[in-house]
C-alpha atoms as a PDB file:
ATOM      1  CA  MET A   1     194.540-265.104  25.619  1.00  0.00           C
ATOM      2  CA  LEU A   2     194.142-262.666  28.142  1.00  0.00           C
ATOM      3  CA  GLU A   3     193.961-260.180  25.277  1.00  0.00           C
ATOM      4  CA  ARG A   4     191.462-261.744  23.275  1.00  0.00           C
ATOM      5  CA  LYS A   5     188.994-261.522  26.574  1.00  0.00           C
ATOM      6  CA  SER A   6     189.412-258.446  27.563  1.00  0.00           C
ATOM      7  CA  THR A   7     188.576-257.809  23.993  1.00  0.00           C
ATOM      8  CA  HIS A   8     185.443-259.420  23.823  1.00  0.00           C
ATOM      9  CA  ILE A   9     184.180-257.351  26.757  1.00  0.00           C
ATOM     10  CA  LEU A  10     185.008-253.960  25.444  1.00  0.00           C
ATOM     11  CA  ASN A  11     183.436-254.721  22.295  1.00  0.00           C
ATOM     12  CA  LEU A  12     180.293-256.062  24.110  1.00  0.00           C
ATOM     13  CA  LYS A  13     180.370-252.332  26.133  1.00  0.00           C
ATOM     14  CA  TYR A  14     180.797-250.095  23.322  1.00  0.00           C
ATOM     15  CA  THR A  15     178.796-251.852  20.586  1.00  0.00           C
ATOM     16  CA  LEU A  16     175.604-249.952  21.552  1.00  0.00           C
ATOM     17  CA  ALA A  17     177.043-246.347  21.710  1.00  0.00           C
ATOM     18  CA  GLY A  18     178.501-247.392  18.329  1.00  0.00           C
ATOM     19  CA  ILE A  19     182.055-245.979  20.124  1.00  0.00           C
ATOM     20  CA  VAL A  20     185.412-247.840  18.603  1.00  0.00           C
ATOM     21  CA  ILE A  21     187.849-247.234  21.099  1.00  0.00           C
ATOM     22  CA  ALA A  22     191.003-250.028  21.188  1.00  0.00           C
ATOM     23  CA  LEU A  23     191.444-250.375  24.802  1.00  0.00           C
ATOM     24  CA  GLY A  24     192.974-253.670  26.653  1.00  0.00           C
ATOM     25  CA  VAL A  25     191.135-253.195  29.729  1.00  0.00           C
ATOM     26  CA  MET A  26     187.756-253.813  31.027  1.00  0.00           C
ATOM     27  CA  TRP A  27     184.969-251.186  31.881  1.00  0.00           C
ATOM     28  CA  GLY A  28     183.132-251.416  34.840  1.00  0.00           C
ATOM     29  CA  CYS A  29     179.849-249.535  35.852  1.00  0.00           C
ATOM     30  CA  GLN A  30     180.845-248.366  39.464  1.00  0.00           C
ATOM     31  CA  HIS A  31     184.912-248.940  39.315  1.00  0.00           C
ATOM     32  CA  GLN A  32     187.874-249.780  36.930  1.00  0.00           C
ATOM     33  CA  THR A  33     188.495-253.571  37.503  1.00  0.00           C
ATOM     34  CA  SER A  34     190.595-256.118  36.471  1.00  0.00           C
ATOM     35  CA  THR A  35     188.053-259.416  36.262  1.00  0.00           C
ATOM     36  CA  ILE A  36     188.051-261.268  33.341  1.00  0.00           C
ATOM     37  CA  ILE A  37     184.876-262.905  32.145  1.00  0.00           C
ATOM     38  CA  ASP A  38     185.501-265.853  30.112  1.00  0.00           C
ATOM     39  CA  ARG A  39     182.798-265.839  27.234  1.00  0.00           C
ATOM     40  CA  LYS A  40     182.442-269.663  27.542  1.00  0.00           C
ATOM     41  CA  TYR A  41     181.570-269.059  31.037  1.00  0.00           C
ATOM     42  CA  LEU A  42     178.794-266.706  30.145  1.00  0.00           C
ATOM     43  CA  PRO A  43     175.021-268.207  30.414  1.00  0.00           C
ATOM     44  CA  PRO A  44     173.530-269.667  26.875  1.00  0.00           C
ATOM     45  CA  HIS A  45     170.895-266.641  26.445  1.00  0.00           C
ATOM     46  CA  THR A  46     174.183-264.075  26.785  1.00  0.00           C
ATOM     47  CA  LEU A  47     173.817-260.307  27.249  1.00  0.00           C
ATOM     48  CA  SER A  48     175.711-260.153  24.032  1.00  0.00           C
ATOM     49  CA  THR A  49     172.510-261.785  21.870  1.00  0.00           C
ATOM     50  CA  ILE A  50     170.272-259.556  23.874  1.00  0.00           C
ATOM     51  CA  ILE A  51     172.227-256.520  22.381  1.00  0.00           C
ATOM     52  CA  ALA A  52     173.036-257.820  19.369  1.00  0.00           C
ATOM     53  CA  GLU A  53     169.165-258.359  18.191  1.00  0.00           C
ATOM     54  CA  LEU A  54     168.761-254.478  19.754  1.00  0.00           C
ATOM     55  CA  LYS A  55     171.491-253.392  17.725  1.00  0.00           C
ATOM     56  CA  ILE A  56     170.042-254.601  14.619  1.00  0.00           C
ATOM     57  CA  TYR A  57     166.942-252.704  14.963  1.00  0.00           C
ATOM     58  CA  GLN A  58     168.080-249.807  16.702  1.00  0.00           C
ATOM     59  CA  SER A  59     167.751-247.695  13.689  1.00  0.00           C
ATOM     60  CA  ALA A  60     164.471-248.973  12.741  1.00  0.00           C
ATOM     61  CA  ASP A  61     161.835-246.701  11.328  1.00  0.00           C
ATOM     62  CA  ILE A  62     159.150-247.435  13.818  1.00  0.00           C
ATOM     63  CA  TYR A  63     156.750-244.331  12.115  1.00  0.00           C
ATOM     64  CA  ARG A  64     156.266-245.859   8.733  1.00  0.00           C
ATOM     65  CA  PHE A  65     156.735-249.204   9.116  1.00  0.00           C
ATOM     66  CA  PRO A  66     155.526-251.888  12.059  1.00  0.00           C
ATOM     67  CA  TYR A  67     157.328-252.887  14.869  1.00  0.00           C
ATOM     68  CA  PRO A  68     159.941-255.479  14.276  1.00  0.00           C
ATOM     69  CA  ARG A  69     159.534-258.947  15.296  1.00  0.00           C
ATOM     70  CA  THR A  70     161.507-261.597  17.054  1.00  0.00           C
ATOM     71  CA  PRO A  71     161.156-265.067  15.061  1.00  0.00           C
ATOM     72  CA  ALA A  72     158.881-265.828  17.690  1.00  0.00           C
ATOM     73  CA  GLY A  73     156.624-263.342  16.972  1.00  0.00           C
ATOM     74  CA  GLN A  74     157.417-260.620  19.520  1.00  0.00           C
ATOM     75  CA  ASN A  75     157.630-256.842  19.438  1.00  0.00           C
ATOM     76  CA  VAL A  76     161.701-256.664  19.235  1.00  0.00           C
ATOM     77  CA  PHE A  77     162.074-253.822  21.957  1.00  0.00           C
ATOM     78  CA  LYS A  78     159.445-255.341  24.545  1.00  0.00           C
ATOM     79  CA  ALA A  79     161.349-258.880  24.193  1.00  0.00           C
ATOM     80  CA  THR A  80     164.257-256.976  24.902  1.00  0.00           C
ATOM     81  CA  LEU A  81     163.055-255.645  28.181  1.00  0.00           C
ATOM     82  CA  ARG A  82     161.614-258.903  29.137  1.00  0.00           C
ATOM     83  CA  ARG A  83     165.054-260.541  28.138  1.00  0.00           C
ATOM     84  CA  LEU A  84     166.958-258.001  30.047  1.00  0.00           C
ATOM     85  CA  ASP A  85     164.747-258.433  33.171  1.00  0.00           C
ATOM     86  CA  ASN A  86     165.346-262.461  33.348  1.00  0.00           C
ATOM     87  CA  PHE A  87     169.102-261.618  32.903  1.00  0.00           C
ATOM     88  CA  GLU A  88     169.304-259.794  36.213  1.00  0.00           C
ATOM     89  CA  ARG A  89     167.239-262.154  37.824  1.00  0.00           C
ATOM     90  CA  LEU A  90     169.340-265.322  36.850  1.00  0.00           C
ATOM     91  CA  TYR A  91     172.565-263.885  36.813  1.00  0.00           C
ATOM     92  CA  PRO A  92     172.343-260.892  39.472  1.00  0.00           C
ATOM     93  CA  GLU A  93     176.433-260.746  39.712  1.00  0.00           C
ATOM     94  CA  LEU A  94     176.872-260.402  35.932  1.00  0.00           C
ATOM     95  CA  ALA A  95     174.284-257.781  35.746  1.00  0.00           C
ATOM     96  CA  GLY A  96     176.159-255.882  38.647  1.00  0.00           C
ATOM     97  CA  GLU A  97     179.147-255.746  36.335  1.00  0.00           C
ATOM     98  CA  PHE A  98     177.106-254.853  33.066  1.00  0.00           C
ATOM     99  CA  LYS A  99     174.882-252.512  34.647  1.00  0.00           C
ATOM    100  CA  ASP A 100     175.427-249.675  32.183  1.00  0.00           C
ATOM    101  CA  ILE A 101     174.819-251.836  29.443  1.00  0.00           C
ATOM    102  CA  ILE A 102     171.628-253.135  30.610  1.00  0.00           C
ATOM    103  CA  ASP A 103     170.739-249.647  32.015  1.00  0.00           C
ATOM    104  CA  PHE A 104     171.264-248.111  28.310  1.00  0.00           C
ATOM    105  CA  SER A 105     169.879-251.142  26.524  1.00  0.00           C
ATOM    106  CA  ARG A 106     166.746-250.312  28.276  1.00  0.00           C
ATOM    107  CA  ALA A 107     167.069-246.770  27.635  1.00  0.00           C
ATOM    108  CA  LEU A 108     167.127-247.501  24.072  1.00  0.00           C
ATOM    109  CA  ALA A 109     164.247-249.896  24.090  1.00  0.00           C
ATOM    110  CA  PHE A 110     161.714-247.517  25.932  1.00  0.00           C
ATOM    111  CA  GLU A 111     162.680-244.573  23.496  1.00  0.00           C
ATOM    112  CA  LYS A 112     161.408-246.879  20.531  1.00  0.00           C
ATOM    113  CA  LEU A 113     158.138-247.925  22.574  1.00  0.00           C
ATOM    114  CA  GLY A 114     157.548-243.986  23.218  1.00  0.00           C
ATOM    115  CA  GLU A 115     158.002-244.153  26.797  1.00  0.00           C
ATOM    116  CA  ILE A 116     160.029-240.888  27.191  1.00  0.00           C
ATOM    117  CA  ASP A 117     160.266-240.839  31.007  1.00  0.00           C
ATOM    118  CA  LYS A 118     161.424-244.224  31.526  1.00  0.00           C
ATOM    119  CA  ALA A 119     164.092-243.634  28.861  1.00  0.00           C
ATOM    120  CA  ASP A 120     165.044-240.409  30.712  1.00  0.00           C
ATOM    121  CA  LYS A 121     165.437-242.782  33.783  1.00  0.00           C
ATOM    122  CA  TYR A 122     167.906-245.174  32.288  1.00  0.00           C
ATOM    123  CA  TYR A 123     169.941-242.905  30.522  1.00  0.00           C
ATOM    124  CA  ARG A 124     170.671-240.688  33.911  1.00  0.00           C
ATOM    125  CA  SER A 125     171.450-244.078  35.458  1.00  0.00           C
ATOM    126  CA  VAL A 126     173.872-244.723  32.890  1.00  0.00           C
ATOM    127  CA  THR A 127     175.283-241.243  33.284  1.00  0.00           C
ATOM    128  CA  GLU A 128     176.144-242.167  36.962  1.00  0.00           C
ATOM    129  CA  CYS A 129     177.942-245.272  36.165  1.00  0.00           C
ATOM    130  CA  ARG A 130     181.616-244.009  36.927  1.00  0.00           C
ATOM    131  CA  ASP A 131     183.973-244.976  34.231  1.00  0.00           C
ATOM    132  CA  SER A 132     181.226-246.089  31.631  1.00  0.00           C
ATOM    133  CA  PRO A 133     182.247-245.881  28.106  1.00  0.00           C
ATOM    134  CA  LEU A 134     178.804-244.799  27.475  1.00  0.00           C
ATOM    135  CA  GLN A 135     178.246-241.907  29.699  1.00  0.00           C
ATOM    136  CA  GLN A 136     179.303-239.553  26.825  1.00  0.00           C
ATOM    137  CA  GLU A 137     176.560-240.921  24.804  1.00  0.00           C
ATOM    138  CA  ALA A 138     173.801-241.089  27.337  1.00  0.00           C
ATOM    139  CA  ARG A 139     174.349-237.525  28.061  1.00  0.00           C
ATOM    140  CA  ARG A 140     174.113-236.557  24.513  1.00  0.00           C
ATOM    141  CA  ARG A 141     170.758-238.475  24.413  1.00  0.00           C
ATOM    142  CA  LEU A 142     169.610-237.040  27.371  1.00  0.00           C
ATOM    143  CA  THR A 143     169.726-233.438  25.785  1.00  0.00           C
ATOM    144  CA  ILE A 144     167.066-234.421  23.310  1.00  0.00           C
ATOM    145  CA  ILE A 145     164.902-236.246  25.709  1.00  0.00           C
ATOM    146  CA  ASP A 146     165.152-233.274  27.729  1.00  0.00           C
ATOM    147  CA  GLN A 147     163.483-231.543  24.554  1.00  0.00           C
ATOM    148  CA  ILE A 148     161.128-233.562  24.270  1.00  0.00           C
ATOM    149  CA  ASN A 149     159.735-233.693  27.469  1.00  0.00           C
ATOM    150  CA  THR A 150     159.562-230.097  27.720  1.00  0.00           C
ATOM    151  CA  VAL A 151     157.433-230.378  24.801  1.00  0.00           C
ATOM    152  CA  LEU A 152     155.204-233.137  26.138  1.00  0.00           C
ATOM    153  CA  GLN A 153     154.247-231.141  29.527  1.00  0.00           C
ATOM    154  CA  LYS A 154     154.532-233.918  31.951  1.00  0.00           C
ATOM    155  CA  GLU A 155     153.935-231.627  34.797  1.00  0.00           C
ATOM    156  CA  THR A 156     151.100-229.906  33.605  1.00  0.00           C
ATOM    157  CA  ASN A 157     147.135-231.049  34.593  1.00  0.00           C
ATOM    158  CA  PRO A 158     144.669-228.898  33.047  1.00  0.00           C
ATOM    159  CA  GLN A 159     141.237-228.874  34.946  1.00  0.00           C
ATOM    160  CA  THR A 160     139.208-228.251  31.673  1.00  0.00           C
ATOM    161  CA  LEU A 161     138.978-229.539  28.436  1.00  0.00           C
ATOM    162  CA  GLU A 162     139.639-226.631  26.567  1.00  0.00           C
ATOM    163  CA  GLY A 163     142.616-226.471  28.682  1.00  0.00           C
ATOM    164  CA  LEU A 164     143.596-230.196  27.842  1.00  0.00           C
ATOM    165  CA  LEU A 165     142.687-229.375  24.233  1.00  0.00           C
ATOM    166  CA  VAL A 166     145.452-226.427  24.328  1.00  0.00           C
ATOM    167  CA  ILE A 167     148.000-228.737  26.071  1.00  0.00           C
ATOM    168  CA  TYR A 168     147.600-231.064  22.664  1.00  0.00           C
ATOM    169  CA  GLU A 169     147.813-228.192  20.434  1.00  0.00           C
ATOM    170  CA  GLN A 170     151.092-227.025  22.454  1.00  0.00           C
ATOM    171  CA  GLN A 171     152.530-230.729  21.798  1.00  0.00           C
ATOM    172  CA  ILE A 172     151.265-231.011  18.296  1.00  0.00           C
ATOM    173  CA  TYR A 173     153.394-227.724  17.558  1.00  0.00           C
ATOM    174  CA  GLY A 174     156.171-228.188  19.255  1.00  0.00           C
ATOM    175  CA  MET A 175     156.928-231.531  17.963  1.00  0.00           C
ATOM    176  CA  GLY A 176     156.958-230.258  14.695  1.00  0.00           C
ATOM    177  CA  GLN A 177     159.592-227.446  15.673  1.00  0.00           C
ATOM    178  CA  LEU A 178     161.931-230.600  17.073  1.00  0.00           C
ATOM    179  CA  LEU A 179     161.648-232.402  13.701  1.00  0.00           C
ATOM    180  CA  LYS A 180     162.987-229.213  12.362  1.00  0.00           C
ATOM    181  CA  THR A 181     165.958-228.954  14.702  1.00  0.00           C
ATOM    182  CA  ILE A 182     166.843-231.921  15.999  1.00  0.00           C
ATOM    183  CA  GLU A 183     169.183-233.670  13.490  1.00  0.00           C
ATOM    184  CA  ASP A 184     170.091-237.248  14.535  1.00  0.00           C
ATOM    185  CA  PRO A 185     168.175-239.333  12.439  1.00  0.00           C
ATOM    186  CA  GLU A 186     167.576-241.867  14.772  1.00  0.00           C
ATOM    187  CA  TYR A 187     165.150-239.448  16.831  1.00  0.00           C
ATOM    188  CA  LYS A 188     163.182-238.920  13.355  1.00  0.00           C
ATOM    189  CA  PRO A 189     160.778-241.713  13.740  1.00  0.00           C
ATOM    190  CA  ILE A 190     160.537-241.319  17.371  1.00  0.00           C
ATOM    191  CA  LEU A 191     159.121-237.642  17.091  1.00  0.00           C
ATOM    192  CA  PHE A 192     156.877-238.504  14.098  1.00  0.00           C
ATOM    193  CA  LEU A 193     155.406-241.056  16.347  1.00  0.00           C
ATOM    194  CA  LEU A 194     155.260-238.612  18.953  1.00  0.00           C
ATOM    195  CA  ARG A 195     153.543-235.793  17.156  1.00  0.00           C
ATOM    196  CA  GLU A 196     151.286-238.226  15.444  1.00  0.00           C
ATOM    197  CA  GLN A 197     150.128-239.437  18.852  1.00  0.00           C
ATOM    198  CA  ALA A 198     148.913-236.502  20.408  1.00  0.00           C
ATOM    199  CA  GLU A 199     147.206-235.400  16.944  1.00  0.00           C
ATOM    200  CA  LEU A 200     145.333-238.547  17.464  1.00  0.00           C
ATOM    201  CA  GLU A 201     144.770-238.124  21.305  1.00  0.00           C
ATOM    202  CA  TYR A 202     143.530-234.561  20.402  1.00  0.00           C
ATOM    203  CA  ALA A 203     141.077-235.699  17.618  1.00  0.00           C
ATOM    204  CA  LEU A 204     139.732-238.622  19.442  1.00  0.00           C
ATOM    205  CA  LEU A 205     139.067-235.892  22.470  1.00  0.00           C
ATOM    206  CA  LEU A 206     137.296-233.800  20.072  1.00  0.00           C
ATOM    207  CA  LYS A 207     135.355-236.836  18.774  1.00  0.00           C
ATOM    208  CA  GLU A 208     134.341-237.655  22.779  1.00  0.00           C
ATOM    209  CA  HIS A 209     133.086-234.184  23.765  1.00  0.00           C
ATOM    210  CA  TYR A 210     132.417-232.529  19.978  1.00  0.00           C
ATOM    211  CA  SER A 211     128.708-231.992  21.729  1.00  0.00           C
ATOM    212  CA  LEU A 212     130.222-229.949  24.459  1.00  0.00           C
ATOM    213  CA  LEU A 213     131.963-227.629  21.884  1.00  0.00           C
ATOM    214  CA  ASP A 214     131.072-224.710  19.785  1.00  0.00           C
ATOM    215  CA  ASP A 215     130.821-226.190  15.954  1.00  0.00           C
ATOM    216  CA  GLY A 216     132.212-229.356  17.541  1.00  0.00           C
ATOM    217  CA  ILE A 217     131.683-231.684  14.571  1.00  0.00           C
ATOM    218  CA  GLN A 218     133.614-229.909  12.411  1.00  0.00           C
ATOM    219  CA  LYS A 219     136.293-228.855  14.676  1.00  0.00           C
ATOM    220  CA  THR A 220     136.235-232.953  14.953  1.00  0.00           C
ATOM    221  CA  ILE A 221     136.721-233.664  11.612  1.00  0.00           C
ATOM    222  CA  ASP A 222     139.314-230.883  10.781  1.00  0.00           C
ATOM    223  CA  ALA A 223     141.630-232.718  13.435  1.00  0.00           C
ATOM    224  CA  PHE A 224     140.839-236.021  11.601  1.00  0.00           C
ATOM    225  CA  LYS A 225     142.031-234.657   8.475  1.00  0.00           C
ATOM    226  CA  SER A 226     144.922-233.138   9.693  1.00  0.00           C
ATOM    227  CA  LEU A 227     146.049-236.118  11.250  1.00  0.00           C
ATOM    228  CA  ILE A 228     146.000-238.047   8.107  1.00  0.00           C
ATOM    229  CA  LYS A 229     147.194-235.302   5.940  1.00  0.00           C
ATOM    230  CA  ASP A 230     150.204-234.778   8.617  1.00  0.00           C
ATOM    231  CA  ASN A 231     150.820-238.595   8.775  1.00  0.00           C
ATOM    232  CA  GLN A 232     150.159-239.913   4.932  1.00  0.00           C
ATOM    233  CA  GLU A 233     153.969-241.809   5.448  1.00  0.00           C
ATOM    234  CA  SER A 234     152.658-243.289   8.698  1.00  0.00           C
ATOM    235  CA  LYS A 235     152.112-247.397   9.133  1.00  0.00           C
ATOM    236  CA  ARG A 236     148.864-246.146  10.834  1.00  0.00           C
ATOM    237  CA  VAL A 237     147.398-243.816   8.387  1.00  0.00           C
ATOM    238  CA  TRP A 238     144.766-246.101   7.251  1.00  0.00           C
ATOM    239  CA  SER A 239     143.717-246.392  11.017  1.00  0.00           C
ATOM    240  CA  HIS A 240     143.245-242.911  10.931  1.00  0.00           C
ATOM    241  CA  ARG A 241     141.203-243.117   7.934  1.00  0.00           C
ATOM    242  CA  MET A 242     138.890-245.672   9.471  1.00  0.00           C
ATOM    243  CA  MET A 243     138.450-243.814  12.529  1.00  0.00           C
ATOM    244  CA  LEU A 244     137.067-240.479  10.160  1.00  0.00           C
ATOM    245  CA  ALA A 245     135.117-242.686   8.343  1.00  0.00           C
ATOM    246  CA  ASP A 246     133.567-244.178  11.642  1.00  0.00           C
ATOM    247  CA  PHE A 247     132.375-240.890  12.638  1.00  0.00           C
ATOM    248  CA  TYR A 248     130.834-239.662   9.625  1.00  0.00           C
ATOM    249  CA  TYR A 249     128.833-242.812   9.941  1.00  0.00           C
ATOM    250  CA  GLU A 250     128.004-242.567  13.758  1.00  0.00           C
ATOM    251  CA  LEU A 251     126.975-238.667  12.872  1.00  0.00           C
ATOM    252  CA  ALA A 252     124.950-240.222   9.874  1.00  0.00           C
ATOM    253  CA  LYS A 253     123.090-242.929  12.097  1.00  0.00           C
ATOM    254  CA  TYR A 254     122.679-240.331  14.880  1.00  0.00           C
ATOM    255  CA  TYR A 255     120.630-237.913  12.286  1.00  0.00           C
ATOM    256  CA  THR A 256     118.469-240.820  11.421  1.00  0.00           C
ATOM    257  CA  ALA A 257     117.918-241.545  14.956  1.00  0.00           C
ATOM    258  CA  ARG A 258     116.846-237.970  16.065  1.00  0.00           C
ATOM    259  CA  GLN A 259     115.016-237.296  12.621  1.00  0.00           C
ATOM    260  CA  SER A 260     113.197-240.019  11.145  1.00  0.00           C
ATOM    261  CA  PRO A 261     113.855-240.753   7.590  1.00  0.00           C
ATOM    262  CA  THR A 262     109.751-240.522   6.985  1.00  0.00           C
ATOM    263  CA  SER A 263     109.503-236.860   9.003  1.00  0.00           C
ATOM    264  CA  PRO A 264     108.969-233.946   6.282  1.00  0.00           C
ATOM    265  CA  GLU A 265     111.799-232.178   8.132  1.00  0.00           C
ATOM    266  CA  PHE A 266     114.269-234.836   7.106  1.00  0.00           C
ATOM    267  CA  SER A 267     116.749-233.665   5.013  1.00  0.00           C
ATOM    268  CA  VAL A 268     118.253-236.516   2.418  1.00  0.00           C
ATOM    269  CA  GLU A 269     121.066-233.879   1.501  1.00  0.00           C
ATOM    270  CA  ARG A 270     121.846-233.554   4.890  1.00  0.00           C
ATOM    271  CA  PHE A 271     122.082-237.138   5.536  1.00  0.00           C
ATOM    272  CA  LYS A 272     124.373-237.867   2.258  1.00  0.00           C
ATOM    273  CA  SER A 273     126.594-234.516   3.769  1.00  0.00           C
ATOM    274  CA  MET A 274     127.333-237.311   6.515  1.00  0.00           C
ATOM    275  CA  ALA A 275     126.842-240.720   4.934  1.00  0.00           C
ATOM    276  CA  GLU A 276     128.588-240.491   1.566  1.00  0.00           C
ATOM    277  CA  PRO A 277     131.840-239.166   3.006  1.00  0.00           C
ATOM    278  CA  ALA A 278     131.626-242.187   5.000  1.00  0.00           C
ATOM    279  CA  ARG A 279     131.061-244.648   2.476  1.00  0.00           C
ATOM    280  CA  GLN A 280     133.934-243.270   0.336  1.00  0.00           C
ATOM    281  CA  LEU A 281     136.568-243.439   2.819  1.00  0.00           C
ATOM    282  CA  TYR A 282     135.494-247.041   3.268  1.00  0.00           C
ATOM    283  CA  TYR A 283     135.883-247.707  -0.017  1.00  0.00           C
ATOM    284  CA  GLU A 284     139.272-246.248  -0.401  1.00  0.00           C
ATOM    285  CA  ILE A 285     140.681-248.807   2.634  1.00  0.00           C
ATOM    286  CA  SER A 286     139.090-251.658   1.057  1.00  0.00           C
ATOM    287  CA  LEU A 287     141.468-251.116  -1.574  1.00  0.00           C
ATOM    288  CA  ALA A 288     144.844-250.489   0.469  1.00  0.00           C
ATOM    289  CA  ASP A 289     146.231-254.070   0.002  1.00  0.00           C
ATOM    290  CA  GLY A 290     148.524-255.030   2.683  1.00  0.00           C
ATOM    291  CA  TYR A 291     146.698-253.295   5.817  1.00  0.00           C
ATOM    292  CA  PRO A 292     144.583-255.187   8.166  1.00  0.00           C
ATOM    293  CA  GLU A 293     141.814-252.459   7.985  1.00  0.00           C
ATOM    294  CA  LYS A 294     141.329-253.711   4.618  1.00  0.00           C
ATOM    295  CA  LEU A 295     139.123-256.672   5.237  1.00  0.00           C
ATOM    296  CA  GLU A 296     137.305-254.618   8.207  1.00  0.00           C
ATOM    297  CA  ALA A 297     136.460-251.526   5.637  1.00  0.00           C
ATOM    298  CA  LYS A 298     134.794-254.113   3.001  1.00  0.00           C
ATOM    299  CA  SER A 299     132.489-255.456   5.729  1.00  0.00           C
ATOM    300  CA  LYS A 300     131.552-251.739   6.600  1.00  0.00           C
ATOM    301  CA  LEU A 301     131.151-250.515   3.035  1.00  0.00           C
ATOM    302  CA  SER A 302     128.905-253.300   2.772  1.00  0.00           C
ATOM    303  CA  ALA A 303     127.021-252.604   5.719  1.00  0.00           C
ATOM    304  CA  ILE A 304     126.784-248.548   4.957  1.00  0.00           C
ATOM    305  CA  ASN A 305     125.683-249.498   1.137  1.00  0.00           C
ATOM    306  CA  SER A 306     122.523-250.926   2.569  1.00  0.00           C
ATOM    307  CA  PHE A 307     122.432-248.473   5.469  1.00  0.00           C
ATOM    308  CA  ILE A 308     122.085-245.226   3.019  1.00  0.00           C
ATOM    309  CA  ASN A 309     119.879-247.209   0.359  1.00  0.00           C
ATOM    310  CA  ASP A 310     117.193-248.261   3.129  1.00  0.00           C
ATOM    311  CA  ILE A 311     117.330-244.469   4.543  1.00  0.00           C
ATOM    312  CA  ILE A 312     116.602-242.790   1.227  1.00  0.00           C
ATOM    313  CA  GLU A 313     113.812-245.574   0.319  1.00  0.00           C
ATOM    314  CA  GLN A 314     112.408-244.559   3.786  1.00  0.00           C
ATOM    315  CA  ALA A 315     113.126-240.540   2.867  1.00  0.00           C
ATOM    316  CA  GLN A 316     111.051-241.015  -0.535  1.00  0.00           C
END
C-alpha cells in the first residue's frame, strides 16, 4: 500500500518532464520527505487533473491552429493558470509540497501564450527547488528561453521611430535564425509565433507612421506582403490579408478625400492601383471557408464594389 501511494506521487512529479524513473520515494521542492499523501485525501479538482489536461496539449501547434479549448470554451493554457492559482489559494499546504510541479506547469502555460519573461521566471524557480526531478528539464528549457530573450532584446528602449523599426527587423531576423538552430519540435510553433508577432508589429508600426517615412506607403505594403508570405501556414494568415486589404482601401478613400473624383487632376488609374488590390484581397478572403474573416470580407467586398463604381462614375 505504501509503495503504491509513493508511486502515485512520483508519477505526478515526473509527468511534466517526461522522465520515467522507478523510485520508491517521494520528492519535495525544498527537501526529501517521507510524507505520504493518499490520493483519496486530495481535493476533487486535484493537481493531477490540472496537469493531465495541460499535458494533453503540451505539444499543440499553437502557430498553425487555434489555441485548444476546455469543454467550457476557455483557452486551455489560460485556464491552467487560473486553476493553479485557485489550487494554491485553496490548498496552500499541498501547493507548498508540489511547488516545483506548479511552477513548471505555469512556465509551460506561459510559454504557449508567448509570455517568455514569465516562463523564464517560473523555470528559474524550479531550478531552485532542491531535489526536484524537474530541475534538469527546467535548466534545459532555460537555455532555449535565454536565446529567445536575447533576440527579443527586452532591455532595449529605442528613442526614435527608426530605432524601433530596426529592433523589429533584428527580432524578425533573430527568430528566423533560432528556427534553424533550435531543434526541439515543441519550441518550433512558439518561435514561429514570436517571429510572426514581430513581423506583424513591424507592419503595423509602418502603417501607423508611413507618412513620416520616405516611401512609407510602399514600405508598409512590402511589410504586410512579407508577413503574409512568411506565415502561409499560420492560423492568422487571413487576418494578415485582411489588414493589407484594409490598408489599400484606406489609401483609396484617402486619395478620393484629398482629390475630388470630379477634378481634372483626379487619376482613375492611380485610384484603381489602390482600390483594386483591396477588392481582390477581399474576394479571396471571402472564399476562405472555416475562417472568421470570411463573413467580414464578404461585407467589405460589397462595400468596396459600390465605392469603386461610384468613384469611377463621378470621375467620368
